[in-house]
Amino acid sequence: MNLLSANEDSRTLMLHYGRKQIEYEVLYSGRRTLAIDVHPDLSVVVTAPTGTADDAVDEKMQKRASWILQQQRFFENYLPAIPARRYVSGESHRYLGRQYRLRVYGGDEDIVKMSRGQINVFLTDRAKTARTKRLVTGWFRSRADVIFQQLFDAMASKSERHGITAGSFDIRRMKNRWGSCTQEGRILLNPDLIIAPKTCIEYVIVHELCHLQQHNHGPRFYRLLNSLMPDWEQRRERLNSCVVS
């Protein structure tokens, strides 16, 4: 176990497990038991009762190391990776937490319409299969523009009561993250997040809004997150499960 950094509220440590090294942050609180969380950005956070010895944390980490590495591999492989699509009739696509069938028809214009649990693509030339992909991905992106803006405005308004001043956001595809907050205070949202229920999108937005005030995952960050969204853990679990279900 190596100590990387420390302050009165937290410590950043390194665990050696076989050939692997697991960096983790230990946060101290008034809780009675020790908990280990692996986040979608692959960070590992241990929440321990105040006064817990490093040896006790190290022992717990050693016991859970295999599970931690498994969780990190899960997030690397599945979040927010989206299964490869062929954009053909009958294929299933997820939108706002629900599954929709893709149907391709001939039509007088190239357009996408959603109706009765289906995403309907109309093409003037059905032989142009690549056109289907462009239309569908463009439709999803346009929906992300609208939905993200609505939810961001609502969550930003709510966060103002907690002293958070939000500007705007950008939509940018990221390999291993649903959202991010840059050092300059710019919030980024992954367009693939449109597959998730609105409650999960709200969670990602609020998580990044909290980073405008608290730049790490320390106790103050979680106190702020809890005050803004008391059920954030349930929303995060639903977000994680909806991708692979």
Protein backbone atom coordinates (compact mmCIF):
# COMPACT_ATOMS: atom_id res chain seq x y z
CA MET A 1 0.00 0.00 0.00
CA ASN A 2 1.44 3.37 -1.06
CA LEU A 3 0.18 6.74 0.14
CA LEU A 4 -0.17 9.16 -2.79
CA SER A 5 -1.81 12.13 -1.07
CA ALA A 6 -3.80 12.96 2.04
CA ASN A 7 -5.80 15.63 3.83
CA GLU A 8 -8.06 15.65 6.88
CA ASP A 9 -11.07 14.37 4.92
CA SER A 10 -9.53 11.86 2.53
CA ARG A 11 -6.48 9.87 1.51
CA THR A 12 -5.40 8.60 -1.89
CA LEU A 13 -3.70 5.20 -1.72
CA MET A 14 -2.33 2.55 -4.06
CA LEU A 15 -2.98 -1.18 -3.75
CA HIS A 16 -0.69 -3.74 -5.39
CA TYR A 17 -2.62 -6.83 -6.43
CA GLY A 18 -0.53 -9.27 -8.45
CA ARG A 19 0.72 -7.27 -11.41
CA LYS A 20 -2.08 -4.76 -11.09
CA GLN A 21 -2.06 -1.44 -9.29
CA ILE A 22 -5.35 -0.03 -8.03
CA GLU A 23 -5.42 3.62 -7.04
CA TYR A 24 -8.23 4.45 -4.65
CA GLU A 25 -9.49 7.33 -2.57
CA VAL A 26 -10.50 6.85 1.06
CA LEU A 27 -13.17 9.19 2.38
CA TYR A 28 -13.93 9.35 6.09
CA SER A 29 -17.43 9.88 7.44
CA GLY A 30 -19.70 9.13 10.36
CA ARG A 31 -20.93 5.89 8.79
CA ARG A 32 -20.51 2.64 10.77
CA THR A 33 -19.34 0.34 8.01
CA LEU A 34 -16.77 0.46 5.22
CA ALA A 35 -18.02 0.58 1.62
CA ILE A 36 -16.21 0.31 -1.72
CA ASP A 37 -17.61 1.87 -4.91
CA VAL A 38 -16.27 1.64 -8.47
CA HIS A 39 -17.49 4.52 -10.62
CA PRO A 40 -18.08 4.56 -14.40
CA ASP A 41 -14.92 6.69 -14.84
CA LEU A 42 -13.05 3.68 -13.29
CA SER A 43 -12.24 5.56 -10.07
CA VAL A 44 -12.39 3.58 -6.83
CA VAL A 45 -13.74 5.24 -3.69
CA VAL A 46 -13.69 3.73 -0.21
CA THR A 47 -15.99 5.32 2.36
CA ALA A 48 -14.84 4.42 5.86
CA PRO A 49 -15.78 5.33 9.43
CA THR A 50 -13.71 8.17 10.82
CA GLY A 51 -10.59 6.82 12.49
CA THR A 52 -10.39 3.60 10.45
CA ALA A 53 -6.78 2.38 10.28
CA ASP A 54 -5.08 2.13 6.89
CA ASP A 55 -4.37 -1.57 7.54
CA ALA A 56 -8.10 -2.26 7.90
CA VAL A 57 -8.81 -0.47 4.63
CA ASP A 58 -5.95 -2.32 2.91
CA GLU A 59 -7.27 -5.68 4.15
CA LYS A 60 -10.74 -4.93 2.80
CA MET A 61 -9.31 -3.77 -0.52
CA GLN A 62 -7.23 -6.96 -0.83
CA LYS A 63 -10.35 -9.07 -0.30
CA ARG A 64 -12.31 -7.08 -2.87
CA ALA A 65 -9.53 -6.50 -5.40
CA SER A 66 -10.74 -9.16 -7.82
CA TRP A 67 -14.26 -7.70 -7.76
CA ILE A 68 -12.89 -4.15 -8.22
CA LEU A 69 -10.92 -5.16 -11.32
CA GLN A 70 -13.99 -6.97 -12.66
CA GLN A 71 -16.09 -3.83 -12.22
CA GLN A 72 -13.48 -1.69 -13.93
CA ARG A 73 -13.38 -4.10 -16.88
CA PHE A 74 -17.17 -3.95 -17.01
CA PHE A 75 -17.17 -0.17 -17.29
CA GLU A 76 -14.31 -0.24 -19.82
CA ASN A 77 -16.17 -2.70 -22.03
CA TYR A 78 -19.76 -1.54 -21.70
CA LEU A 79 -20.00 2.04 -20.57
CA PRO A 80 -20.86 3.93 -22.59
CA ALA A 81 -20.11 1.58 -25.47
CA ILE A 82 -23.16 0.92 -27.62
CA PRO A 83 -23.58 -2.40 -29.49
CA ALA A 84 -22.69 -2.26 -33.18
CA ARG A 85 -25.70 -1.53 -35.33
CA ARG A 86 -26.54 -2.57 -38.89
CA TYR A 87 -29.52 -0.21 -39.24
CA VAL A 88 -31.84 -2.76 -40.85
CA SER A 89 -35.53 -3.47 -40.36
CA GLY A 90 -36.31 -5.37 -37.18
CA GLU A 91 -33.27 -4.14 -35.30
CA SER A 92 -33.83 -2.97 -31.72
CA HIS A 93 -32.73 0.50 -30.63
CA ARG A 94 -32.96 2.02 -27.16
CA TYR A 95 -34.26 5.55 -26.67
CA LEU A 96 -34.90 7.19 -23.29
CA GLY A 97 -34.82 3.84 -21.54
CA ARG A 98 -37.21 1.99 -23.84
CA GLN A 99 -36.66 -0.41 -26.73
CA TYR A 100 -37.93 0.53 -30.19
CA ARG A 101 -37.97 -1.50 -33.40
CA LEU A 102 -36.42 0.03 -36.48
CA ARG A 103 -38.54 -0.27 -39.62
CA VAL A 104 -37.46 0.83 -43.09
CA TYR A 105 -40.06 1.73 -45.72
CA GLY A 106 -40.17 3.28 -49.13
CA GLY A 107 -41.46 6.85 -49.20
CA ASP A 108 -41.69 10.16 -51.01
CA GLU A 109 -38.88 11.68 -48.90
CA ASP A 110 -36.02 10.60 -46.68
CA ILE A 111 -37.25 11.08 -43.13
CA VAL A 112 -37.42 9.46 -39.68
CA LYS A 113 -40.63 9.33 -37.64
CA MET A 114 -41.39 7.62 -34.34
CA SER A 115 -44.79 5.98 -33.97
CA ARG A 116 -46.33 3.21 -31.87
CA GLY A 117 -43.11 1.86 -30.40
CA GLN A 118 -41.24 1.97 -33.70
CA ILE A 119 -38.59 4.15 -35.29
CA ASN A 120 -39.78 4.39 -38.90
CA VAL A 121 -37.36 5.33 -41.66
CA PHE A 122 -38.78 6.34 -45.03
CA LEU A 123 -36.44 6.31 -48.04
CA THR A 124 -36.98 7.37 -51.62
CA ASP A 125 -34.45 4.67 -52.56
CA ARG A 126 -34.40 1.71 -50.16
CA ALA A 127 -31.27 0.34 -51.84
CA LYS A 128 -29.25 3.11 -50.18
CA THR A 129 -28.70 1.30 -46.88
CA ALA A 130 -25.98 3.72 -45.73
CA ARG A 131 -28.60 6.46 -45.91
CA THR A 132 -30.60 4.68 -43.19
CA LYS A 133 -27.69 4.91 -40.77
CA ARG A 134 -27.15 8.60 -41.47
CA LEU A 135 -30.84 9.37 -40.99
CA VAL A 136 -31.17 7.39 -37.75
CA THR A 137 -27.96 8.67 -36.15
CA GLY A 138 -28.94 12.20 -37.16
CA TRP A 139 -32.37 11.74 -35.62
CA PHE A 140 -30.91 10.48 -32.34
CA ARG A 141 -28.49 13.41 -32.24
CA SER A 142 -31.27 15.92 -32.85
CA ARG A 143 -33.30 14.36 -30.04
CA ALA A 144 -30.25 14.54 -27.76
CA ASP A 145 -29.92 18.26 -28.54
CA VAL A 146 -33.52 18.88 -27.48
CA ILE A 147 -33.80 16.54 -24.48
CA PHE A 148 -30.40 17.40 -23.00
CA GLN A 149 -31.14 21.12 -23.22
CA GLN A 150 -34.49 20.72 -21.47
CA LEU A 151 -33.02 18.64 -18.65
CA PHE A 152 -29.88 20.76 -18.32
CA ASP A 153 -31.93 23.94 -17.94
CA ALA A 154 -34.10 22.33 -15.27
CA MET A 155 -31.16 20.89 -13.30
CA ALA A 156 -29.11 24.10 -13.64
CA SER A 157 -32.02 26.10 -12.25
CA LYS A 158 -32.28 23.71 -9.31
CA SER A 159 -28.53 23.85 -8.67
CA GLU A 160 -28.54 27.64 -8.44
CA ARG A 161 -30.26 27.31 -5.06
CA HIS A 162 -27.12 25.49 -3.89
CA GLY A 163 -24.71 28.15 -5.08
CA ILE A 164 -23.82 26.54 -8.41
CA THR A 165 -23.67 28.83 -11.41
CA ALA A 166 -23.93 26.85 -14.62
CA GLY A 167 -23.17 28.18 -18.08
CA SER A 168 -23.95 25.80 -20.90
CA PHE A 169 -22.86 22.39 -22.14
CA ASP A 170 -21.49 20.72 -25.23
CA ILE A 171 -22.36 17.34 -26.70
CA ARG A 172 -19.29 15.26 -27.40
CA ARG A 173 -18.82 11.52 -27.88
CA MET A 174 -16.52 10.06 -25.21
CA LYS A 175 -15.14 6.54 -25.05
CA ASN A 176 -15.55 5.74 -21.35
CA ARG A 177 -17.72 8.48 -19.91
CA TRP A 178 -21.31 9.63 -20.00
CA GLY A 179 -20.36 13.13 -18.94
CA SER A 180 -17.39 15.26 -18.00
CA CYS A 181 -16.53 18.66 -16.56
CA THR A 182 -13.42 20.30 -17.97
CA GLN A 183 -10.92 22.31 -15.96
CA GLU A 184 -12.39 25.40 -17.59
CA GLY A 185 -15.82 24.53 -16.15
CA ARG A 186 -17.35 23.33 -19.42
CA ILE A 187 -19.78 20.43 -19.08
CA LEU A 188 -19.70 17.73 -21.76
CA LEU A 189 -22.43 15.16 -22.35
CA ASN A 190 -22.09 12.01 -24.44
CA PRO A 191 -24.78 11.87 -27.18
CA ASP A 192 -25.17 8.13 -26.54
CA LEU A 193 -26.71 9.08 -23.19
CA ILE A 194 -29.97 9.52 -25.12
CA ILE A 195 -30.50 5.76 -24.72
CA ALA A 196 -31.02 6.22 -20.96
CA PRO A 197 -34.20 7.23 -19.07
CA LYS A 198 -34.56 10.92 -18.36
CA THR A 199 -33.97 10.35 -14.64
CA CYS A 200 -30.56 8.89 -15.46
CA ILE A 201 -29.68 11.76 -17.78
CA GLU A 202 -30.61 14.13 -14.96
CA TYR A 203 -28.21 12.25 -12.67
CA VAL A 204 -25.30 12.65 -15.10
CA ILE A 205 -26.05 16.36 -15.50
CA VAL A 206 -26.29 16.95 -11.75
CA HIS A 207 -23.09 14.96 -11.16
CA GLU A 208 -21.20 17.23 -13.55
CA LEU A 209 -22.88 20.37 -12.18
CA CYS A 210 -21.57 19.45 -8.73
CA HIS A 211 -18.06 19.36 -10.20
CA LEU A 212 -18.37 23.05 -11.02
CA GLN A 213 -18.20 23.63 -7.27
CA GLN A 214 -16.32 20.55 -6.05
CA HIS A 215 -13.65 19.36 -8.46
CA ASN A 216 -13.01 15.91 -6.95
CA HIS A 217 -15.04 13.12 -5.38
CA GLY A 218 -14.40 14.19 -1.81
CA PRO A 219 -16.91 14.35 1.06
CA ARG A 220 -18.03 17.86 0.10
CA PHE A 221 -18.83 16.64 -3.41
CA TYR A 222 -21.08 13.86 -2.12
CA ARG A 223 -22.75 16.12 0.41
CA LEU A 224 -23.62 18.49 -2.43
CA LEU A 225 -24.77 15.64 -4.68
CA ASN A 226 -26.93 14.21 -1.91
CA SER A 227 -28.55 17.57 -1.26
CA LEU A 228 -29.34 18.07 -4.94
CA MET A 229 -30.38 14.50 -5.71
CA PRO A 230 -30.91 12.24 -2.68
CA ASP A 231 -31.68 9.21 -4.88
CA TRP A 232 -28.61 9.57 -7.11
CA GLU A 233 -27.31 6.07 -6.27
CA GLN A 234 -30.50 4.42 -7.51
CA ARG A 235 -30.38 6.52 -10.67
CA ARG A 236 -26.74 5.55 -11.24
CA GLU A 237 -27.54 1.85 -10.82
CA ARG A 238 -30.38 2.13 -13.31
CA LEU A 239 -28.10 3.90 -15.77
CA ASN A 240 -25.52 1.13 -15.47
CA SER A 241 -28.06 -1.65 -15.91
CA CYS A 242 -29.98 -0.12 -18.82
CA VAL A 243 -26.95 -0.30 -21.10
CA VAL A 244 -26.50 -4.05 -20.95
CA SER A 245 -30.11 -5.17 -20.45
